[in-house]
N, C-alpha and C. Protein backbone atom coordinates (compact mmCIF):
# COMPACT_ATOMS: atom_id res chain seq x y z
N UNK A 1 -63.75 188.18 195.93
CA UNK A 1 -63.34 188.16 197.25
C UNK A 1 -63.09 186.58 197.03
N UNK A 2 -61.44 186.74 197.62
CA UNK A 2 -60.72 185.18 197.50
C UNK A 2 -61.09 184.37 198.63
N UNK A 3 -61.02 183.27 198.52
CA UNK A 3 -61.54 181.93 199.53
C UNK A 3 -60.33 182.13 200.52
N UNK A 4 -61.17 182.08 201.92
CA UNK A 4 -60.52 181.99 203.00
C UNK A 4 -59.00 180.79 203.10
N UNK A 5 -57.99 181.49 203.94
CA UNK A 5 -56.89 180.27 203.89
C UNK A 5 -57.08 179.67 205.06
N UNK A 6 -56.72 178.48 205.42
CA UNK A 6 -56.41 177.57 206.04
C UNK A 6 -55.10 177.07 206.38
N UNK A 7 -54.93 177.02 207.49
CA UNK A 7 -53.26 176.53 208.05
C UNK A 7 -53.61 175.18 208.77
N UNK A 8 -53.01 174.04 208.26
CA UNK A 8 -53.46 172.84 208.86
C UNK A 8 -52.30 172.99 209.99
N UNK A 9 -52.32 172.39 210.79
CA UNK A 9 -51.29 172.25 212.15
C UNK A 9 -51.45 170.90 213.02
N UNK A 10 -50.36 170.07 213.49
CA UNK A 10 -50.55 168.69 214.18
C UNK A 10 -49.44 167.64 213.94
N UNK A 11 -49.33 166.96 214.64
CA UNK A 11 -48.53 165.52 214.21
C UNK A 11 -48.27 165.13 213.01
N UNK A 12 -47.14 165.09 212.46
CA UNK A 12 -46.57 164.64 210.92
C UNK A 12 -46.98 163.00 211.11
N UNK A 13 -46.90 162.59 212.32
CA UNK A 13 -46.88 161.04 212.25
C UNK A 13 -48.39 160.51 211.70
N UNK A 14 -49.33 161.99 211.97
CA UNK A 14 -51.01 161.65 211.07
C UNK A 14 -50.64 161.97 209.79
N UNK A 15 -50.30 161.22 208.90
CA UNK A 15 -50.27 162.21 207.33
C UNK A 15 -51.76 161.86 207.13
N UNK A 16 -52.16 160.73 207.36
CA UNK A 16 -53.98 160.55 206.78
C UNK A 16 -54.49 161.74 207.30
N UNK A 17 -54.38 162.41 208.83
CA UNK A 17 -55.43 163.43 209.26
C UNK A 17 -54.62 164.74 208.22
N UNK A 18 -53.89 164.99 207.73
CA UNK A 18 -53.46 166.02 206.97
C UNK A 18 -54.15 165.82 205.10
N UNK A 19 -53.90 164.54 204.49
CA UNK A 19 -54.94 164.31 203.85
C UNK A 19 -56.28 164.52 203.41
N UNK A 20 -56.95 163.87 204.63
CA UNK A 20 -58.47 163.70 204.63
C UNK A 20 -58.86 165.50 204.83
N UNK A 21 -57.91 166.22 205.78
CA UNK A 21 -58.27 167.75 206.15
C UNK A 21 -58.20 168.80 204.79
N UNK A 22 -56.93 168.03 204.20
CA UNK A 22 -56.78 169.28 203.14
C UNK A 22 -57.66 168.85 202.09
N UNK A 23 -58.58 167.69 202.17
CA UNK A 23 -59.03 167.23 200.88
C UNK A 23 -60.62 167.99 201.22
N UNK A 24 -60.83 167.94 202.99
CA UNK A 24 -62.03 168.37 203.06
C UNK A 24 -62.38 169.81 202.93
N UNK A 25 -61.41 170.46 203.31
CA UNK A 25 -60.94 171.94 203.09
C UNK A 25 -61.11 172.28 201.57
N UNK A 26 -60.51 171.75 200.83
CA UNK A 26 -60.62 172.40 199.59
C UNK A 26 -61.75 171.98 199.23
N UNK A 27 -62.62 170.60 199.21
CA UNK A 27 -64.05 170.39 198.91
C UNK A 27 -64.95 171.79 199.18
N UNK A 28 -64.41 172.23 200.59
CA UNK A 28 -65.24 173.39 201.22
C UNK A 28 -64.92 174.85 200.88
N UNK A 29 -64.24 174.51 199.42
CA UNK A 29 -63.66 176.25 198.67
C UNK A 29 -62.54 176.88 199.51
N UNK A 30 -61.96 176.10 200.45
CA UNK A 30 -61.16 177.13 200.87
C UNK A 30 -59.60 176.75 200.68
N UNK A 31 -58.42 177.53 200.57
CA UNK A 31 -56.97 177.02 199.98
C UNK A 31 -56.38 176.73 201.35
N UNK A 32 -55.73 175.95 201.36
CA UNK A 32 -54.97 175.35 202.60
C UNK A 32 -53.56 175.14 202.30
N UNK A 33 -52.82 175.62 203.64
CA UNK A 33 -51.52 175.47 203.75
C UNK A 33 -51.21 174.60 204.47
N UNK A 34 -50.46 173.57 204.23
CA UNK A 34 -50.29 172.30 205.20
C UNK A 34 -48.47 172.28 205.46
N UNK A 35 -47.92 171.45 205.81
CA UNK A 35 -46.45 170.88 206.10
C UNK A 35 -45.93 170.34 204.84
N UNK A 36 -44.56 170.89 204.34
CA UNK A 36 -44.28 170.42 203.46
C UNK A 36 -43.60 169.03 203.24
N UNK A 37 -43.30 168.56 204.59
CA UNK A 37 -43.10 167.32 204.54
C UNK A 37 -43.36 166.65 205.74
N UNK A 38 -43.91 165.35 205.54
CA UNK A 38 -44.36 164.31 206.64
C UNK A 38 -42.88 163.68 207.56
N UNK A 39 -42.33 164.55 208.11
CA UNK A 39 -40.95 164.25 209.13
C UNK A 39 -41.28 162.92 209.53
N UNK A 40 -42.46 162.49 210.63
CA UNK A 40 -42.74 161.39 211.44
C UNK A 40 -43.08 160.43 210.72
N UNK A 41 -44.36 160.48 209.93
CA UNK A 41 -44.64 159.51 209.18
C UNK A 41 -43.86 158.95 208.15
N UNK A 42 -43.03 159.90 207.44
CA UNK A 42 -41.77 159.24 206.48
C UNK A 42 -40.57 158.86 206.89
N UNK A 43 -40.83 158.93 208.10
CA UNK A 43 -39.47 158.81 209.27
C UNK A 43 -38.23 159.17 208.48
N UNK A 44 -38.42 160.50 208.54
CA UNK A 44 -37.12 161.54 208.04
C UNK A 44 -36.44 161.77 209.26
N UNK A 45 -34.89 161.40 208.77
CA UNK A 45 -34.04 161.59 209.80
C UNK A 45 -33.77 162.98 209.78
N UNK A 46 -34.14 163.97 210.57
CA UNK A 46 -33.98 165.60 209.94
C UNK A 46 -32.84 166.23 211.22
N UNK A 47 -32.13 167.28 211.07
CA UNK A 47 -31.37 167.81 212.19
C UNK A 47 -32.20 168.38 212.75
N UNK A 48 -31.63 168.80 213.76
CA UNK A 48 -32.50 170.01 215.03
C UNK A 48 -32.52 171.25 214.37
N UNK A 49 -31.58 171.54 213.24
CA UNK A 49 -31.35 172.72 212.71
C UNK A 49 -32.75 172.80 211.96
N UNK A 50 -32.80 171.79 210.58
CA UNK A 50 -33.92 171.64 210.23
C UNK A 50 -35.05 172.00 210.71
N UNK A 51 -35.06 170.91 211.76
CA UNK A 51 -36.85 171.21 212.39
C UNK A 51 -37.46 171.95 212.98
N UNK A 52 -36.03 173.26 213.60
CA UNK A 52 -36.10 174.44 213.52
C UNK A 52 -36.60 175.44 212.74
N UNK A 53 -36.21 175.19 211.70
CA UNK A 53 -36.30 175.96 210.55
C UNK A 53 -37.89 175.74 210.04
N UNK A 54 -38.33 174.79 209.70
CA UNK A 54 -39.69 174.17 209.40
C UNK A 54 -40.58 174.69 210.21
N UNK A 55 -40.13 174.68 211.73
CA UNK A 55 -41.19 175.57 213.02
C UNK A 55 -41.14 177.07 212.57
N UNK A 56 -40.34 177.22 211.95
CA UNK A 56 -40.18 178.80 211.51
C UNK A 56 -41.50 178.88 210.25
N UNK A 57 -40.92 178.15 209.31
CA UNK A 57 -41.71 178.10 208.24
C UNK A 57 -43.37 177.98 208.61
N UNK A 58 -43.30 177.01 209.11
CA UNK A 58 -45.13 176.67 209.60
C UNK A 58 -45.78 177.88 210.13
N UNK A 59 -44.82 179.05 210.89
CA UNK A 59 -45.45 179.93 211.35
C UNK A 59 -45.65 180.80 210.45
N UNK A 60 -44.65 181.14 209.54
CA UNK A 60 -45.13 182.16 208.23
C UNK A 60 -46.16 181.58 207.79
N UNK A 61 -46.59 180.34 207.54
CA UNK A 61 -48.03 179.74 207.01
C UNK A 61 -48.99 180.35 207.66
N UNK A 62 -48.97 179.91 208.89
CA UNK A 62 -50.08 180.77 209.63
C UNK A 62 -50.31 182.18 209.81
N UNK A 63 -49.33 183.34 209.88
CA UNK A 63 -49.12 184.18 209.11
C UNK A 63 -49.83 184.60 208.13
N UNK A 64 -50.01 183.92 206.72
CA UNK A 64 -50.54 183.86 206.00
C UNK A 64 -52.38 183.25 205.87
N UNK A 65 -52.24 182.73 206.72
CA UNK A 65 -54.01 181.86 206.75
C UNK A 65 -54.80 182.72 207.36
N UNK A 66 -55.90 182.87 207.03
CA UNK A 66 -57.17 183.69 207.88
C UNK A 66 -57.72 182.88 209.19
N UNK A 67 -56.99 181.22 209.11
CA UNK A 67 -57.39 180.28 210.60
C UNK A 67 -56.55 178.99 210.35
N UNK A 68 -56.48 178.92 211.13
CA UNK A 68 -56.01 177.53 211.93
C UNK A 68 -56.82 176.36 212.03
N UNK A 69 -56.36 175.13 211.74
CA UNK A 69 -57.01 173.88 211.90
C UNK A 69 -56.02 172.82 212.83
N UNK A 70 -56.37 172.43 213.47
CA UNK A 70 -55.23 171.82 214.54
C UNK A 70 -55.72 170.33 214.41
N UNK A 71 -55.10 169.33 213.77
CA UNK A 71 -55.30 167.90 213.43
C UNK A 71 -54.67 167.18 214.74
N UNK A 72 -55.93 167.31 216.17
CA UNK A 72 -55.33 166.59 217.24
C UNK A 72 -55.92 165.33 217.29
N UNK A 73 -55.53 164.28 216.64
CA UNK A 73 -56.13 163.09 216.34
C UNK A 73 -55.95 162.32 217.79
N UNK A 74 -56.99 161.94 218.29
CA UNK A 74 -56.80 161.53 219.81
C UNK A 74 -56.52 162.15 220.75
N UNK A 75 -56.79 163.26 220.09
CA UNK A 75 -56.55 164.26 221.67
C UNK A 75 -55.10 164.80 221.65
N UNK A 76 -54.23 164.24 220.96
CA UNK A 76 -52.48 164.65 220.85
C UNK A 76 -52.58 165.62 220.27
N UNK A 77 -51.65 166.49 221.43
CA UNK A 77 -51.33 167.75 220.63
C UNK A 77 -49.65 167.72 221.40
N UNK A 78 -48.45 168.00 220.40
CA UNK A 78 -47.33 167.78 220.60
C UNK A 78 -46.81 169.42 221.07
N UNK A 79 -45.25 169.21 221.27
CA UNK A 79 -44.43 170.44 221.63
C UNK A 79 -44.78 171.36 220.56
N UNK A 80 -44.55 171.07 219.51
CA UNK A 80 -44.59 172.14 218.05
C UNK A 80 -45.96 172.77 218.05
N UNK A 81 -46.91 171.67 217.47
CA UNK A 81 -48.20 172.30 217.28
C UNK A 81 -48.42 173.01 218.66
N UNK A 82 -48.12 172.75 219.71
CA UNK A 82 -48.44 173.63 221.14
C UNK A 82 -48.11 174.92 220.83
N UNK A 83 -46.81 174.77 220.41
CA UNK A 83 -46.48 176.21 220.01
C UNK A 83 -46.94 177.13 218.73
N UNK A 84 -47.22 176.36 217.96
CA UNK A 84 -47.87 176.91 216.55
C UNK A 84 -49.29 177.24 217.20
N UNK A 85 -50.51 177.22 218.23
CA UNK A 85 -51.37 176.95 218.48
C UNK A 85 -51.43 178.44 219.51
N UNK A 86 -50.19 178.53 220.13
CA UNK A 86 -49.89 179.92 220.83
C UNK A 86 -49.26 180.69 219.98
N UNK A 87 -48.87 180.51 219.10
CA UNK A 87 -48.34 181.53 217.93
C UNK A 87 -49.68 182.14 217.14
N UNK A 88 -50.55 181.17 216.74
CA UNK A 88 -51.79 181.68 216.15
C UNK A 88 -52.51 182.13 217.10
N UNK A 89 -53.04 182.07 217.97
CA UNK A 89 -53.53 182.54 219.29
C UNK A 89 -53.02 184.19 219.22
N UNK A 90 -51.55 184.27 219.65
CA UNK A 90 -50.74 185.74 219.50
C UNK A 90 -51.40 186.62 218.26
N UNK A 91 -51.73 185.84 217.37
CA UNK A 91 -51.70 186.79 216.43
C UNK A 91 -53.32 186.53 216.00
N UNK A 92 -54.05 186.28 216.71
CA UNK A 92 -55.53 186.21 216.62
C UNK A 92 -56.02 186.03 215.63
N UNK A 93 -55.43 184.88 215.16
CA UNK A 93 -56.62 183.99 214.25
C UNK A 93 -57.40 183.22 214.88
N UNK A 94 -58.61 182.94 214.28
CA UNK A 94 -59.04 181.83 214.28
C UNK A 94 -58.80 179.94 214.61
N UNK A 95 -59.03 179.63 215.85
CA UNK A 95 -58.53 178.62 215.76
C UNK A 95 -59.68 177.27 215.98
N UNK A 96 -59.48 176.33 214.62
CA UNK A 96 -60.81 175.01 215.29
C UNK A 96 -59.68 174.03 215.41
N UNK A 97 -60.64 173.04 215.86
CA UNK A 97 -59.54 171.71 216.09
C UNK A 97 -60.55 170.49 215.40
N UNK A 98 -59.87 169.26 214.89
CA UNK A 98 -60.56 168.19 214.45
C UNK A 98 -61.49 167.25 215.46
N UNK A 99 -60.95 167.71 216.90
CA UNK A 99 -61.63 166.56 217.85
C UNK A 99 -61.53 167.60 219.31
N UNK A 100 -62.83 167.81 219.72
CA UNK A 100 -62.99 168.66 220.84
C UNK A 100 -61.86 168.29 221.79
N UNK A 101 -60.85 169.51 222.03
CA UNK A 101 -60.12 169.59 222.61
C UNK A 101 -60.05 169.42 224.29
N UNK A 102 -59.20 168.66 225.29
CA UNK A 102 -58.97 169.02 226.40
C UNK A 102 -58.78 170.36 226.80
N UNK A 103 -59.49 171.13 227.43
CA UNK A 103 -59.10 172.62 227.87
C UNK A 103 -57.74 172.51 228.69
N UNK A 104 -57.43 171.44 229.44
CA UNK A 104 -56.18 171.45 230.32
C UNK A 104 -55.16 171.24 229.49
N UNK A 105 -54.84 171.20 228.24
CA UNK A 105 -53.81 171.19 227.34
C UNK A 105 -53.88 171.90 226.41
N UNK A 106 -54.51 172.91 226.31
CA UNK A 106 -54.45 174.01 225.07
C UNK A 106 -54.22 175.55 225.67
């Protein structure tokens, strides 16, 4: 039986949260799918077309995952992450949160 696959979602301004969650989930025996580049944390200037392509690519990662882990540092859930949560919900994926979410925003 293969290990569960978890897809990390959240703002790339919190690179440390992705690194920590990746390590913790891996140590718990899970396959981790994450963002390919930390556009905010690395201060990368990407085009709107590149951003849209990255959003689509990440949704394909959600398709591959058994579950989603939202890295909502300080309760923050941005527009892209909110879209990924809605996508995961529509696909019936279980969703966990790093911090207990404010139900008014999810």
